[in-house]
Amino acid sequence: MPLKVQRGIVVSKKMLKTIVVKVENRYPHPIYSKTLRKTNKYLVHDKIGTCKLGDQVLIQQCRPLSRRKHWVLVQIISKSSLIT
């Protein structure tokens, strides 16, 4: 089974070694052809704690690390310009 890889934006960093990443999927409506957006939030394991709020990251699916955490951070694509 291939591992899923997603690209998203960090929306929360309040937990220890865990970040919340928002992933947006766009797809056309089957009848009206309007582009729809669906967003999912995933709990991601950030072992070192290098991510900041607003960073664009690449995440990969892994074995369950806790009840809701099934993703691990692969790399930071771009840093945020937000000052926190």
Protein backbone atom coordinates (compact mmCIF):
# COMPACT_ATOMS: atom_id res chain seq x y z
CA MET A 1 0.00 0.00 0.00
CA PRO A 2 1.54 3.36 -1.01
CA LEU A 3 1.83 6.02 1.66
CA LYS A 4 -0.24 9.13 1.13
CA VAL A 5 1.54 12.48 0.94
CA GLN A 6 -0.34 15.78 1.43
CA ARG A 7 0.57 19.45 1.31
CA GLY A 8 -0.94 21.88 3.80
CA ILE A 9 -0.61 24.91 6.06
CA VAL A 10 0.11 24.85 9.81
CA VAL A 11 -2.84 26.35 11.70
CA SER A 12 -1.95 25.44 15.30
CA LYS A 13 1.19 24.66 17.30
CA LYS A 14 -0.15 24.63 20.85
CA MET A 15 0.62 20.98 21.61
CA LEU A 16 3.98 19.41 22.41
CA LYS A 17 5.50 17.64 19.35
CA THR A 18 2.17 17.96 17.50
CA ILE A 19 0.95 20.46 14.92
CA VAL A 20 -2.43 20.87 13.22
CA VAL A 21 -2.22 21.08 9.43
CA LYS A 22 -5.07 22.25 7.18
CA VAL A 23 -5.17 20.50 3.79
CA GLU A 24 -7.40 21.95 1.06
CA ASN A 25 -8.76 19.82 -1.79
CA ARG A 26 -10.36 21.40 -4.87
CA TYR A 27 -12.64 19.46 -7.20
CA PRO A 28 -15.36 20.29 -9.75
CA HIS A 29 -19.03 19.77 -8.94
CA PRO A 30 -20.27 16.75 -10.91
CA ILE A 31 -23.26 18.57 -12.44
CA TYR A 32 -22.60 22.33 -12.30
CA SER A 33 -18.81 22.31 -12.93
CA LYS A 34 -18.21 24.86 -10.19
CA THR A 35 -14.93 24.37 -8.33
CA LEU A 36 -15.58 23.33 -4.73
CA ARG A 37 -13.14 23.43 -1.82
CA LYS A 38 -13.02 20.89 0.97
CA THR A 39 -10.66 21.31 3.92
CA ASN A 40 -9.47 18.69 6.38
CA LYS A 41 -7.41 19.19 9.52
CA TYR A 42 -4.84 16.57 10.45
CA LEU A 43 -2.82 16.14 13.63
CA VAL A 44 0.82 15.75 12.56
CA HIS A 45 3.81 14.55 14.57
CA ASP A 46 6.57 17.21 14.59
CA LYS A 47 9.42 15.48 16.42
CA ILE A 48 11.84 18.43 16.58
CA GLY A 49 9.27 21.23 16.80
CA THR A 50 10.63 23.35 13.95
CA CYS A 51 7.30 24.40 12.40
CA LYS A 52 5.77 27.80 12.97
CA LEU A 53 2.23 29.06 12.43
CA GLY A 54 1.47 29.59 8.73
CA ASP A 55 4.29 27.42 7.34
CA GLN A 56 3.57 25.36 4.25
CA VAL A 57 4.51 21.73 4.96
CA LEU A 58 4.60 18.29 3.37
CA ILE A 59 3.13 15.48 5.50
CA GLN A 60 3.08 11.71 5.07
CA GLN A 61 0.76 9.05 6.43
CA CYS A 62 2.25 6.65 8.99
CA ARG A 63 1.20 4.11 11.61
CA PRO A 64 -1.12 5.40 14.36
CA LEU A 65 0.90 7.37 16.90
CA SER A 66 -2.10 8.20 19.09
CA ARG A 67 -5.88 8.20 18.79
CA ARG A 68 -6.04 10.97 16.16
CA LYS A 69 -2.41 11.33 15.04
CA HIS A 70 -1.61 9.29 11.90
CA TRP A 71 0.62 11.73 10.00
CA VAL A 72 4.28 12.71 10.29
CA LEU A 73 6.09 15.83 9.06
CA VAL A 74 8.32 15.22 6.02
CA GLN A 75 9.61 18.71 5.25
CA ILE A 76 8.85 22.41 5.48
CA ILE A 77 8.21 23.73 1.97
CA SER A 78 8.13 27.43 2.78
CA LYS A 79 8.42 29.44 5.96
CA SER A 80 5.74 31.88 7.03
CA SER A 81 6.30 35.60 7.24
CA LEU A 82 4.03 35.85 10.29
CA ILE A 83 5.72 37.04 13.46
CA THR A 84 4.55 35.08 16.51
